[in-house]
PDB file of N, CA and C in Angstrom:
ATOM      1  N   MET A   1     -10.530  -5.754  -2.768  1.00  0.00           N
ATOM      2  CA  MET A   1     -10.398  -4.540  -2.099  1.00  0.00           C
ATOM      3  C   MET A   1      -9.242  -3.722  -2.722  1.00  0.00           C
ATOM      4  N   GLN A   2      -9.622  -2.438  -3.102  1.00  0.00           N
ATOM      5  CA  GLN A   2      -8.472  -1.651  -3.783  1.00  0.00           C
ATOM      6  C   GLN A   2      -7.661  -0.323  -2.472  1.00  0.00           C
ATOM      7  N   VAL A   3      -6.643  -0.068  -2.720  1.00  0.00           N
ATOM      8  CA  VAL A   3      -5.863   0.573  -1.413  1.00  0.00           C
ATOM      9  C   VAL A   3      -5.172   1.608  -2.455  1.00  0.00           C
ATOM     10  N   PHE A   4      -5.135   2.841  -1.915  1.00  0.00           N
ATOM     11  CA  PHE A   4      -4.376   3.606  -2.817  1.00  0.00           C
ATOM     12  C   PHE A   4      -2.553   3.528  -2.059  1.00  0.00           C
ATOM     13  N   ALA A   5      -1.733   3.429  -2.738  1.00  0.00           N
ATOM     14  CA  ALA A   5      -0.653   3.500  -1.951  1.00  0.00           C
ATOM     15  C   ALA A   5       0.618   4.047  -3.054  1.00  0.00           C
ATOM     16  N   ASN A   6       1.968   4.163  -2.408  1.00  0.00           N
ATOM     17  CA  ASN A   6       2.832   4.938  -3.080  1.00  0.00           C
ATOM     18  C   ASN A   6       3.759   3.873  -3.078  1.00  0.00           C
ATOM     19  N   LEU A   7       4.351   3.238  -4.451  1.00  0.00           N
ATOM     20  CA  LEU A   7       5.541   2.281  -4.570  1.00  0.00           C
ATOM     21  C   LEU A   7       6.630   3.039  -4.769  1.00  0.00           C
ATOM     22  N   PRO A   8       7.759   2.838  -4.008  1.00  0.00           N
ATOM     23  CA  PRO A   8       8.975   3.547  -4.277  1.00  0.00           C
ATOM     24  C   PRO A   8       9.695   2.488  -5.552  1.00  0.00           C
ATOM     25  N   LEU A   9      10.340   3.627  -6.355  1.00  0.00           N
ATOM     26  CA  LEU A   9      10.477   3.526  -7.767  1.00  0.00           C
ATOM     27  C   LEU A   9      12.351   3.499  -7.707  1.00  0.00           C
ATOM     28  N   LYS A  10      12.921   2.330  -8.479  1.00  0.00           N
ATOM     29  CA  LYS A  10      14.231   2.161  -8.298  1.00  0.00           C
ATOM     30  C   LYS A  10      14.834   3.434  -8.574  1.00  0.00           C
ATOM     31  N   ARG A  11      14.471   4.412  -9.437  1.00  0.00           N
ATOM     32  CA  ARG A  11      15.342   5.257  -9.941  1.00  0.00           C
ATOM     33  C   ARG A  11      14.182   6.439 -10.337  1.00  0.00           C
ATOM     34  N   LEU A  12      14.613   7.645 -10.279  1.00  0.00           N
ATOM     35  CA  LEU A  12      13.883   8.837 -10.495  1.00  0.00           C
ATOM     36  C   LEU A  12      13.645   8.693 -12.356  1.00  0.00           C
ATOM     37  N   SER A  13      12.247   8.153 -12.613  1.00  0.00           N
ATOM     38  CA  SER A  13      12.009   8.160 -13.498  1.00  0.00           C
ATOM     39  C   SER A  13      10.600   8.275 -14.012  1.00  0.00           C
ATOM     40  N   ALA A  14       9.906   8.551 -15.213  1.00  0.00           N
ATOM     41  CA  ALA A  14       8.506   8.629 -15.594  1.00  0.00           C
ATOM     42  C   ALA A  14       7.894   7.246 -15.754  1.00  0.00           C
ATOM     43  N   VAL A  15       6.507   6.894 -15.372  1.00  0.00           N
ATOM     44  CA  VAL A  15       6.286   5.403 -15.406  1.00  0.00           C
ATOM     45  C   VAL A  15       5.076   5.795 -15.704  1.00  0.00           C
ATOM     46  N   ARG A  16       4.639   4.864 -16.737  1.00  0.00           N
ATOM     47  CA  ARG A  16       3.309   5.103 -17.491  1.00  0.00           C
ATOM     48  C   ARG A  16       2.558   6.440 -17.954  1.00  0.00           C
ATOM     49  N   GLY A  17       3.919   7.453 -18.408  1.00  0.00           N
ATOM     50  CA  GLY A  17       3.455   8.503 -18.943  1.00  0.00           C
ATOM     51  C   GLY A  17       3.186   9.726 -17.914  1.00  0.00           C
ATOM     52  N   GLY A  18       3.606   9.288 -16.736  1.00  0.00           N
ATOM     53  CA  GLY A  18       3.450  10.267 -15.637  1.00  0.00           C
ATOM     54  C   GLY A  18       4.805  11.126 -15.370  1.00  0.00           C
ATOM     55  N   ARG A  19       4.618  12.219 -14.764  1.00  0.00           N
ATOM     56  CA  ARG A  19       6.133  12.664 -14.712  1.00  0.00           C
ATOM     57  C   ARG A  19       7.342  12.444 -13.876  1.00  0.00           C
ATOM     58  N   GLN A  20       8.116  12.937 -13.607  1.00  0.00           N
ATOM     59  CA  GLN A  20       9.292  12.185 -13.023  1.00  0.00           C
ATOM     60  C   GLN A  20       9.277  12.147 -11.648  1.00  0.00           C
ATOM     61  N   THR A  21       9.395  11.277 -11.018  1.00  0.00           N
ATOM     62  CA  THR A  21       9.427  11.120  -9.796  1.00  0.00           C
ATOM     63  C   THR A  21      10.022   9.789  -9.258  1.00  0.00           C
ATOM     64  N   THR A  22      10.299   9.784  -7.581  1.00  0.00           N
ATOM     65  CA  THR A  22      10.815   8.582  -7.146  1.00  0.00           C
ATOM     66  C   THR A  22       9.730   7.544  -6.775  1.00  0.00           C
ATOM     67  N   TYR A  23       8.250   8.063  -6.518  1.00  0.00           N
ATOM     68  CA  TYR A  23       7.378   6.865  -6.248  1.00  0.00           C
ATOM     69  C   TYR A  23       6.490   7.123  -7.342  1.00  0.00           C
ATOM     70  N   TYR A  24       5.538   5.905  -7.213  1.00  0.00           N
ATOM     71  CA  TYR A  24       4.339   5.494  -8.322  1.00  0.00           C
ATOM     72  C   TYR A  24       3.235   5.635  -7.521  1.00  0.00           C
ATOM     73  N   SER A  25       2.259   6.446  -7.562  1.00  0.00           N
ATOM     74  CA  SER A  25       1.080   6.604  -6.769  1.00  0.00           C
ATOM     75  C   SER A  25       0.153   6.058  -7.394  1.00  0.00           C
ATOM     76  N   GLY A  26      -0.684   5.068  -7.021  1.00  0.00           N
ATOM     77  CA  GLY A  26      -1.989   4.816  -7.521  1.00  0.00           C
ATOM     78  C   GLY A  26      -2.836   3.793  -6.891  1.00  0.00           C
ATOM     79  N   TRP A  27      -3.759   3.131  -7.207  1.00  0.00           N
ATOM     80  CA  TRP A  27      -4.854   2.478  -6.804  1.00  0.00           C
ATOM     81  C   TRP A  27      -4.039   0.848  -7.023  1.00  0.00           C
ATOM     82  N   PHE A  28      -3.984  -0.035  -6.053  1.00  0.00           N
ATOM     83  CA  PHE A  28      -3.677  -1.371  -6.509  1.00  0.00           C
ATOM     84  C   PHE A  28      -4.597  -2.100  -5.021  1.00  0.00           C
ATOM     85  N   ASP A  29      -4.280  -3.508  -5.846  1.00  0.00           N
ATOM     86  CA  ASP A  29      -5.467  -4.505  -5.539  1.00  0.00           C
ATOM     87  C   ASP A  29      -4.690  -4.975  -3.703  1.00  0.00           C
ATOM     88  N   ALA A  30      -5.465  -4.709  -2.659  1.00  0.00           N
ATOM     89  CA  ALA A  30      -4.662  -5.543  -1.805  1.00  0.00           C
ATOM     90  C   ALA A  30      -4.906  -6.928  -1.848  1.00  0.00           C
ATOM     91  N   VAL A  31      -3.971  -7.769  -0.726  1.00  0.00           N
ATOM     92  CA  VAL A  31      -4.266  -9.304  -0.832  1.00  0.00           C
ATOM     93  C   VAL A  31      -4.108  -9.311   0.521  1.00  0.00           C
ATOM     94  N   ARG A  32      -3.557  -8.482   1.261  1.00  0.00           N
ATOM     95  CA  ARG A  32      -3.439  -8.783   2.855  1.00  0.00           C
ATOM     96  C   ARG A  32      -3.081  -7.344   3.410  1.00  0.00           C
ATOM     97  N   LEU A  33      -4.129  -7.464   4.845  1.00  0.00           N
ATOM     98  CA  LEU A  33      -4.126  -6.146   5.559  1.00  0.00           C
ATOM     99  C   LEU A  33      -3.205  -6.745   6.785  1.00  0.00           C
ATOM    100  N   ILE A  34      -2.315  -6.093   7.125  1.00  0.00           N
ATOM    101  CA  ILE A  34      -1.584  -6.256   8.470  1.00  0.00           C
ATOM    102  C   ILE A  34      -1.648  -4.957   9.559  1.00  0.00           C
ATOM    103  N   GLY A  35      -2.119  -5.244  10.513  1.00  0.00           N
ATOM    104  CA  GLY A  35      -2.351  -4.498  11.713  1.00  0.00           C
ATOM    105  C   GLY A  35      -0.931  -4.827  12.890  1.00  0.00           C
ATOM    106  N   PRO A  36      -1.142  -4.228  14.109  1.00  0.00           N
ATOM    107  CA  PRO A  36      -2.282  -2.950  14.407  1.00  0.00           C
ATOM    108  C   PRO A  36      -2.052  -1.827  13.761  1.00  0.00           C
ATOM    109  N   GLU A  37      -2.808  -1.110  14.018  1.00  0.00           N
ATOM    110  CA  GLU A  37      -2.547   0.566  13.406  1.00  0.00           C
ATOM    111  C   GLU A  37      -1.249   1.512  13.903  1.00  0.00           C
ATOM    112  N   ARG A  38      -0.691   1.894  13.217  1.00  0.00           N
ATOM    113  CA  ARG A  38       0.572   2.628  13.596  1.00  0.00           C
ATOM    114  C   ARG A  38       0.303   4.107  13.262  1.00  0.00           C
ATOM    115  N   GLN A  39       1.411   5.016  14.208  1.00  0.00           N
ATOM    116  CA  GLN A  39       1.601   6.625  13.983  1.00  0.00           C
ATOM    117  C   GLN A  39       2.810   6.412  13.409  1.00  0.00           C
ATOM    118  N   SER A  40       2.833   7.315  12.177  1.00  0.00           N
ATOM    119  CA  SER A  40       3.773   7.748  11.672  1.00  0.00           C
ATOM    120  C   SER A  40       4.741   8.823  12.347  1.00  0.00           C
ATOM    121  N   VAL A  41       6.153   8.427  12.395  1.00  0.00           N
ATOM    122  CA  VAL A  41       7.046   9.513  12.994  1.00  0.00           C
ATOM    123  C   VAL A  41       7.881  10.186  11.865  1.00  0.00           C
ATOM    124  N   GLU A  42       7.678  10.143  10.816  1.00  0.00           N
ATOM    125  CA  GLU A  42       8.398  10.827   9.515  1.00  0.00           C
ATOM    126  C   GLU A  42       8.031  12.345   9.828  1.00  0.00           C
ATOM    127  N   ALA A  43       8.998  13.428   9.657  1.00  0.00           N
ATOM    128  CA  ALA A  43       8.646  14.640   9.662  1.00  0.00           C
ATOM    129  C   ALA A  43       7.074  15.341   8.609  1.00  0.00           C
ATOM    130  N   TYR A  44       7.124  14.549   7.657  1.00  0.00           N
ATOM    131  CA  TYR A  44       6.285  14.999   6.598  1.00  0.00           C
ATOM    132  C   TYR A  44       4.710  14.362   6.922  1.00  0.00           C
ATOM    133  N   SER A  45       4.868  13.636   7.844  1.00  0.00           N
ATOM    134  CA  SER A  45       3.317  12.936   8.224  1.00  0.00           C
ATOM    135  C   SER A  45       3.125  12.841   9.581  1.00  0.00           C
ATOM    136  N   ARG A  46       3.672  13.375  10.460  1.00  0.00           N
ATOM    137  CA  ARG A  46       3.855  13.233  11.910  1.00  0.00           C
ATOM    138  C   ARG A  46       2.615  13.021  12.208  1.00  0.00           C
ATOM    139  N   GLY A  47       2.388  11.791  13.123  1.00  0.00           N
ATOM    140  CA  GLY A  47       0.796  11.790  13.519  1.00  0.00           C
ATOM    141  C   GLY A  47      -0.261  10.922  12.670  1.00  0.00           C
ATOM    142  N   ARG A  48       0.182  10.916  11.490  1.00  0.00           N
ATOM    143  CA  ARG A  48      -0.765  10.250  10.602  1.00  0.00           C
ATOM    144  C   ARG A  48      -0.887   8.692  10.925  1.00  0.00           C
ATOM    145  N   SER A  49      -1.929   7.963  11.040  1.00  0.00           N
ATOM    146  CA  SER A  49      -2.011   7.091  11.518  1.00  0.00           C
ATOM    147  C   SER A  49      -1.996   5.877   9.721  1.00  0.00           C
ATOM    148  N   TYR A  50      -1.664   4.534   9.813  1.00  0.00           N
ATOM    149  CA  TYR A  50      -1.259   3.699   8.908  1.00  0.00           C
ATOM    150  C   TYR A  50      -1.303   2.121   9.237  1.00  0.00           C
ATOM    151  N   ILE A  51      -1.613   1.762   8.131  1.00  0.00           N
ATOM    152  CA  ILE A  51      -1.170  -0.147   8.536  1.00  0.00           C
ATOM    153  C   ILE A  51      -0.486  -0.360   7.219  1.00  0.00           C
ATOM    154  N   TRP A  52       0.212  -1.802   7.598  1.00  0.00           N
ATOM    155  CA  TRP A  52       0.698  -2.149   6.154  1.00  0.00           C
ATOM    156  C   TRP A  52      -0.243  -2.781   5.208  1.00  0.00           C
ATOM    157  N   ALA A  53      -0.087  -2.967   4.325  1.00  0.00           N
ATOM    158  CA  ALA A  53      -0.694  -3.952   3.128  1.00  0.00           C
ATOM    159  C   ALA A  53       0.305  -4.651   2.184  1.00  0.00           C
ATOM    160  N   ASP A  54      -0.124  -5.577   1.860  1.00  0.00           N
ATOM    161  CA  ASP A  54       0.791  -5.995   0.532  1.00  0.00           C
ATOM    162  C   ASP A  54      -0.089  -6.054  -0.411  1.00  0.00           C
ATOM    163  N   VAL A  55       0.142  -5.433  -1.458  1.00  0.00           N
ATOM    164  CA  VAL A  55      -0.514  -5.257  -2.527  1.00  0.00           C
ATOM    165  C   VAL A  55       0.078  -5.987  -3.899  1.00  0.00           C
ATOM    166  N   SER A  56      -0.844  -6.578  -4.818  1.00  0.00           N
ATOM    167  CA  SER A  56      -0.253  -6.876  -6.042  1.00  0.00           C
ATOM    168  C   SER A  56       0.097  -5.811  -7.066  1.00  0.00           C
ATOM    169  N   VAL A  57       1.203  -6.064  -7.799  1.00  0.00           N
ATOM    170  CA  VAL A  57       1.969  -4.859  -8.412  1.00  0.00           C
ATOM    171  C   VAL A  57       1.596  -5.316  -9.686  1.00  0.00           C
ATOM    172  N   PRO A  58       1.301  -4.860 -10.984  1.00  0.00           N
ATOM    173  CA  PRO A  58       1.061  -5.297 -12.117  1.00  0.00           C
ATOM    174  C   PRO A  58       2.303  -5.012 -12.723  1.00  0.00           C
ATOM    175  N   ASP A  59       2.327  -6.328 -13.653  1.00  0.00           N
ATOM    176  CA  ASP A  59       3.791  -6.791 -14.263  1.00  0.00           C
ATOM    177  C   ASP A  59       4.184  -5.788 -14.934  1.00  0.00           C
ATOM    178  N   ASP A  60       3.775  -4.919 -15.645  1.00  0.00           N
ATOM    179  CA  ASP A  60       4.356  -3.568 -16.302  1.00  0.00           C
ATOM    180  C   ASP A  60       4.892  -2.600 -15.502  1.00  0.00           C
ATOM    181  N   LEU A  61       4.800  -2.830 -14.262  1.00  0.00           N
ATOM    182  CA  LEU A  61       5.480  -2.168 -13.022  1.00  0.00           C
ATOM    183  C   LEU A  61       6.455  -2.518 -12.452  1.00  0.00           C
ATOM    184  N   LYS A  62       6.784  -3.842 -12.340  1.00  0.00           N
ATOM    185  CA  LYS A  62       7.489  -4.893 -11.501  1.00  0.00           C
ATOM    186  C   LYS A  62       8.836  -4.518 -11.870  1.00  0.00           C
ATOM    187  N   ASP A  63       9.436  -4.370 -12.985  1.00  0.00           N
ATOM    188  CA  ASP A  63      10.614  -3.873 -13.289  1.00  0.00           C
ATOM    189  C   ASP A  63      10.944  -2.675 -12.986  1.00  0.00           C
ATOM    190  N   SER A  64      10.124  -1.581 -12.451  1.00  0.00           N
ATOM    191  CA  SER A  64      10.346  -0.226 -11.779  1.00  0.00           C
ATOM    192  C   SER A  64      10.194  -0.015 -10.524  1.00  0.00           C
ATOM    193  N   VAL A  65       9.800  -0.880  -9.811  1.00  0.00           N
ATOM    194  CA  VAL A  65       9.506  -0.899  -8.364  1.00  0.00           C
ATOM    195  C   VAL A  65      10.744  -1.402  -7.562  1.00  0.00           C
ATOM    196  N   GLN A  66      10.930  -0.499  -6.718  1.00  0.00           N
ATOM    197  CA  GLN A  66      12.280  -0.780  -5.862  1.00  0.00           C
ATOM    198  C   GLN A  66      11.511  -2.182  -4.848  1.00  0.00           C
ATOM    199  N   GLY A  67      12.337  -3.121  -4.836  1.00  0.00           N
ATOM    200  CA  GLY A  67      12.086  -4.261  -3.848  1.00  0.00           C
ATOM    201  C   GLY A  67      11.949  -3.839  -2.479  1.00  0.00           C
ATOM    202  N   PRO A  68      11.844  -4.718  -1.452  1.00  0.00           N
ATOM    203  CA  PRO A  68      11.419  -6.359  -1.906  1.00  0.00           C
ATOM    204  C   PRO A  68      10.225  -6.465  -1.676  1.00  0.00           C
ATOM    205  N   PHE A  69      10.046  -7.711  -2.604  1.00  0.00           N
ATOM    206  CA  PHE A  69       8.694  -8.175  -2.964  1.00  0.00           C
ATOM    207  C   PHE A  69       8.565  -9.295  -1.921  1.00  0.00           C
ATOM    208  N   GLU A  70       7.266  -9.670  -1.582  1.00  0.00           N
ATOM    209  CA  GLU A  70       7.064 -10.633  -0.701  1.00  0.00           C
ATOM    210  C   GLU A  70       7.120 -12.397  -1.759  1.00  0.00           C
ATOM    211  N   ALA A  71       7.363 -13.426  -1.075  1.00  0.00           N
ATOM    212  CA  ALA A  71       7.292 -14.631  -1.637  1.00  0.00           C
ATOM    213  C   ALA A  71       6.291 -15.071  -2.527  1.00  0.00           C
ATOM    214  N   ASP A  72       5.126 -14.257  -2.211  1.00  0.00           N
ATOM    215  CA  ASP A  72       3.752 -14.555  -3.281  1.00  0.00           C
ATOM    216  C   ASP A  72       3.898 -13.398  -4.469  1.00  0.00           C
ATOM    217  N   GLY A  73       4.799 -12.660  -4.495  1.00  0.00           N
ATOM    218  CA  GLY A  73       5.138 -11.590  -5.409  1.00  0.00           C
ATOM    219  C   GLY A  73       4.162 -10.192  -5.377  1.00  0.00           C
ATOM    220  N   THR A  74       3.665 -10.092  -4.032  1.00  0.00           N
ATOM    221  CA  THR A  74       3.204  -8.962  -3.685  1.00  0.00           C
ATOM    222  C   THR A  74       4.173  -7.891  -3.092  1.00  0.00           C
ATOM    223  N   ARG A  75       3.856  -6.668  -2.867  1.00  0.00           N
ATOM    224  CA  ARG A  75       4.713  -5.558  -2.176  1.00  0.00           C
ATOM    225  C   ARG A  75       4.192  -4.875  -1.279  1.00  0.00           C
ATOM    226  N   ARG A  76       4.922  -4.996  -0.075  1.00  0.00           N
ATOM    227  CA  ARG A  76       4.426  -4.258   1.422  1.00  0.00           C
ATOM    228  C   ARG A  76       4.295  -2.784   1.431  1.00  0.00           C
ATOM    229  N   VAL A  77       3.030  -2.240   1.647  1.00  0.00           N
ATOM    230  CA  VAL A  77       3.101  -0.658   1.518  1.00  0.00           C
ATOM    231  C   VAL A  77       2.546  -0.255   2.815  1.00  0.00           C
ATOM    232  N   GLN A  78       2.656   1.166   2.719  1.00  0.00           N
ATOM    233  CA  GLN A  78       2.024   1.633   3.797  1.00  0.00           C
ATOM    234  C   GLN A  78       0.717   2.183   3.611  1.00  0.00           C
ATOM    235  N   VAL A  79      -0.481   2.054   4.182  1.00  0.00           N
ATOM    236  CA  VAL A  79      -1.843   2.510   3.516  1.00  0.00           C
ATOM    237  C   VAL A  79      -2.464   3.501   4.609  1.00  0.00           C
ATOM    238  N   TRP A  80      -2.373   4.600   4.265  1.00  0.00           N
ATOM    239  CA  TRP A  80      -2.927   5.450   5.455  1.00  0.00           C
ATOM    240  C   TRP A  80      -4.241   5.222   5.645  1.00  0.00           C
ATOM    241  N   THR A  81      -4.861   5.255   7.234  1.00  0.00           N
ATOM    242  CA  THR A  81      -5.996   4.694   7.671  1.00  0.00           C
ATOM    243  C   THR A  81      -6.989   6.156   7.476  1.00  0.00           C
ATOM    244  N   GLY A  82      -6.272   7.341   7.578  1.00  0.00           N
ATOM    245  CA  GLY A  82      -7.362   8.538   7.179  1.00  0.00           C
ATOM    246  C   GLY A  82      -8.095   8.454   5.882  1.00  0.00           C
ATOM    247  N   SER A  83      -7.181   8.209   4.878  1.00  0.00           N
ATOM    248  CA  SER A  83      -7.862   8.269   3.502  1.00  0.00           C
ATOM    249  C   SER A  83      -8.772   7.025   3.049  1.00  0.00           C
ATOM    250  N   HIS A  84      -8.918   5.839   3.888  1.00  0.00           N
ATOM    251  CA  HIS A  84      -9.475   4.633   3.938  1.00  0.00           C
ATOM    252  C   HIS A  84     -10.726   4.188   4.949  1.00  0.00           C
ATOM    253  N   LEU A  85     -10.920   5.295   5.395  1.00  0.00           N
ATOM    254  CA  LEU A  85     -11.885   4.843   7.060  1.00  0.00           C
ATOM    255  C   LEU A  85     -13.335   3.868   6.598  1.00  0.00           C
ATOM    256  N   LYS A  86     -13.484   4.201   5.144  1.00  0.00           N
ATOM    257  CA  LYS A  86     -14.552   3.472   5.120  1.00  0.00           C
ATOM    258  C   LYS A  86     -14.332   1.887   4.936  1.00  0.00           C
ATOM    259  N   THR A  87     -13.385   1.982   3.772  1.00  0.00           N
ATOM    260  CA  THR A  87     -12.794   0.524   3.459  1.00  0.00           C
ATOM    261  C   THR A  87     -11.950  -0.441   4.528  1.00  0.00           C
ATOM    262  N   LEU A  88     -11.268   0.539   5.358  1.00  0.00           N
ATOM    263  CA  LEU A  88     -10.711  -0.316   6.446  1.00  0.00           C
ATOM    264  C   LEU A  88     -11.308  -0.166   7.797  1.00  0.00           C
ATOM    265  N   GLY A  89     -12.418   0.448   7.928  1.00  0.00           N
ATOM    266  CA  GLY A  89     -13.078   0.182   9.136  1.00  0.00           C
ATOM    267  C   GLY A  89     -13.192  -0.889   9.834  1.00  0.00           C
ATOM    268  N   PRO A  90     -13.846  -2.008   8.662  1.00  0.00           N
ATOM    269  CA  PRO A  90     -14.024  -3.430   9.363  1.00  0.00           C
ATOM    270  C   PRO A  90     -12.695  -3.738  10.265  1.00  0.00           C
ATOM    271  N   PHE A  91     -11.631  -4.004   9.226  1.00  0.00           N
ATOM    272  CA  PHE A  91     -10.310  -4.550   9.914  1.00  0.00           C
ATOM    273  C   PHE A  91      -9.842  -3.738  11.079  1.00  0.00           C
ATOM    274  N   LEU A  92      -9.855  -2.669  10.985  1.00  0.00           N
ATOM    275  CA  LEU A  92      -9.442  -1.665  12.306  1.00  0.00           C
ATOM    276  C   LEU A  92     -10.252  -2.066  13.623  1.00  0.00           C
ATOM    277  N   ALA A  93     -11.747  -2.106  13.413  1.00  0.00           N
ATOM    278  CA  ALA A  93     -12.569  -2.322  14.333  1.00  0.00           C
ATOM    279  C   ALA A  93     -12.253  -3.486  14.949  1.00  0.00           C
ATOM    280  N   SER A  94     -11.905  -4.664  14.144  1.00  0.00           N
ATOM    281  CA  SER A  94     -11.843  -5.878  14.513  1.00  0.00           C
ATOM    282  C   SER A  94     -11.041  -6.207  15.506  1.00  0.00           C
ATOM    283  N   GLY A  95      -9.745  -5.623  15.294  1.00  0.00           N
ATOM    284  CA  GLY A  95      -8.343  -5.661  16.303  1.00  0.00           C
ATOM    285  C   GLY A  95      -7.790  -6.745  15.969  1.00  0.00           C
ATOM    286  N   ASP A  96      -7.900  -7.523  14.465  1.00  0.00           N
ATOM    287  CA  ASP A  96      -7.315  -8.748  14.051  1.00  0.00           C
ATOM    288  C   ASP A  96      -5.831  -8.083  13.717  1.00  0.00           C
ATOM    289  N   LEU A  97      -5.015  -8.877  13.704  1.00  0.00           N
ATOM    290  CA  LEU A  97      -3.599  -8.318  13.187  1.00  0.00           C
ATOM    291  C   LEU A  97      -3.083  -8.693  11.694  1.00  0.00           C
ATOM    292  N   GLU A  98      -3.962  -9.258  10.898  1.00  0.00           N
ATOM    293  CA  GLU A  98      -3.978  -9.983   9.751  1.00  0.00           C
ATOM    294  C   GLU A  98      -5.203 -10.326   9.270  1.00  0.00           C
ATOM    295  N   TRP A  99      -5.567  -9.412   7.825  1.00  0.00           N
ATOM    296  CA  TRP A  99      -6.694 -10.215   7.009  1.00  0.00           C
ATOM    297  C   TRP A  99      -6.380 -10.320   5.789  1.00  0.00           C
ATOM    298  N   ASP A 100      -6.675 -11.857   5.168  1.00  0.00           N
ATOM    299  CA  ASP A 100      -6.443 -12.089   3.752  1.00  0.00           C
ATOM    300  C   ASP A 100      -7.882 -11.441   2.870  1.00  0.00           C
ATOM    301  N   VAL A 101      -7.572 -10.338   2.028  1.00  0.00           N
ATOM    302  CA  VAL A 101      -8.708  -9.755   1.315  1.00  0.00           C
ATOM    303  C   VAL A 101      -8.715 -10.054  -0.082  1.00  0.00           C
ATOM    304  N   ARG A 102      -7.959 -11.311  -0.620  1.00  0.00           N
ATOM    305  CA  ARG A 102      -8.043 -11.553  -2.031  1.00  0.00           C
ATOM    306  C   ARG A 102      -9.704 -11.501  -2.329  1.00  0.00           C
ATOM    307  N   GLY A 103     -10.007 -10.770  -3.304  1.00  0.00           N
ATOM    308  CA  GLY A 103     -11.188 -11.056  -4.112  1.00  0.00           C
ATOM    309  C   GLY A 103     -12.251 -10.241  -3.340  1.00  0.00           C
ATOM    310  N   ARG A 104     -11.961  -9.921  -2.171  1.00  0.00           N
ATOM    311  CA  ARG A 104     -13.161  -8.996  -1.481  1.00  0.00           C
ATOM    312  C   ARG A 104     -13.529  -7.426  -2.010  1.00  0.00           C
ATOM    313  N   ALA A 105     -14.587  -7.645  -2.460  1.00  0.00           N
ATOM    314  CA  ALA A 105     -14.891  -5.943  -2.771  1.00  0.00           C
ATOM    315  C   ALA A 105     -15.474  -5.233  -2.025  1.00  0.00           C
ATOM    316  N   GLU A 106     -15.152  -4.211  -1.490  1.00  0.00           N
ATOM    317  CA  GLU A 106     -15.635  -3.000  -0.908  1.00  0.00           C
ATOM    318  C   GLU A 106     -15.340  -1.594  -0.908  1.00  0.00           C
TER     319      GLU A 106
END
């Protein structure tokens, strides 16, 4: 299962030829989905819903991405549920607090 996420970078830099930024945005393979659904309180995204997800970070990005990493080498990130309604629908409907989604294609 792939999710779109923003990974914070250690410093302002250009990664993989992109323009300079403090985040690297892209599609990542999710390993775990962690609920429940939460509401953002940040000023720029107030009211948007998200869940936490552990994603595997490609080796060429690991040196650029700001930690902390989980024990299995994944990085915990926010995934906006509004952008992933079809993908995250079964997880959100189940009410479970955690799913292991390694190798699951949706």
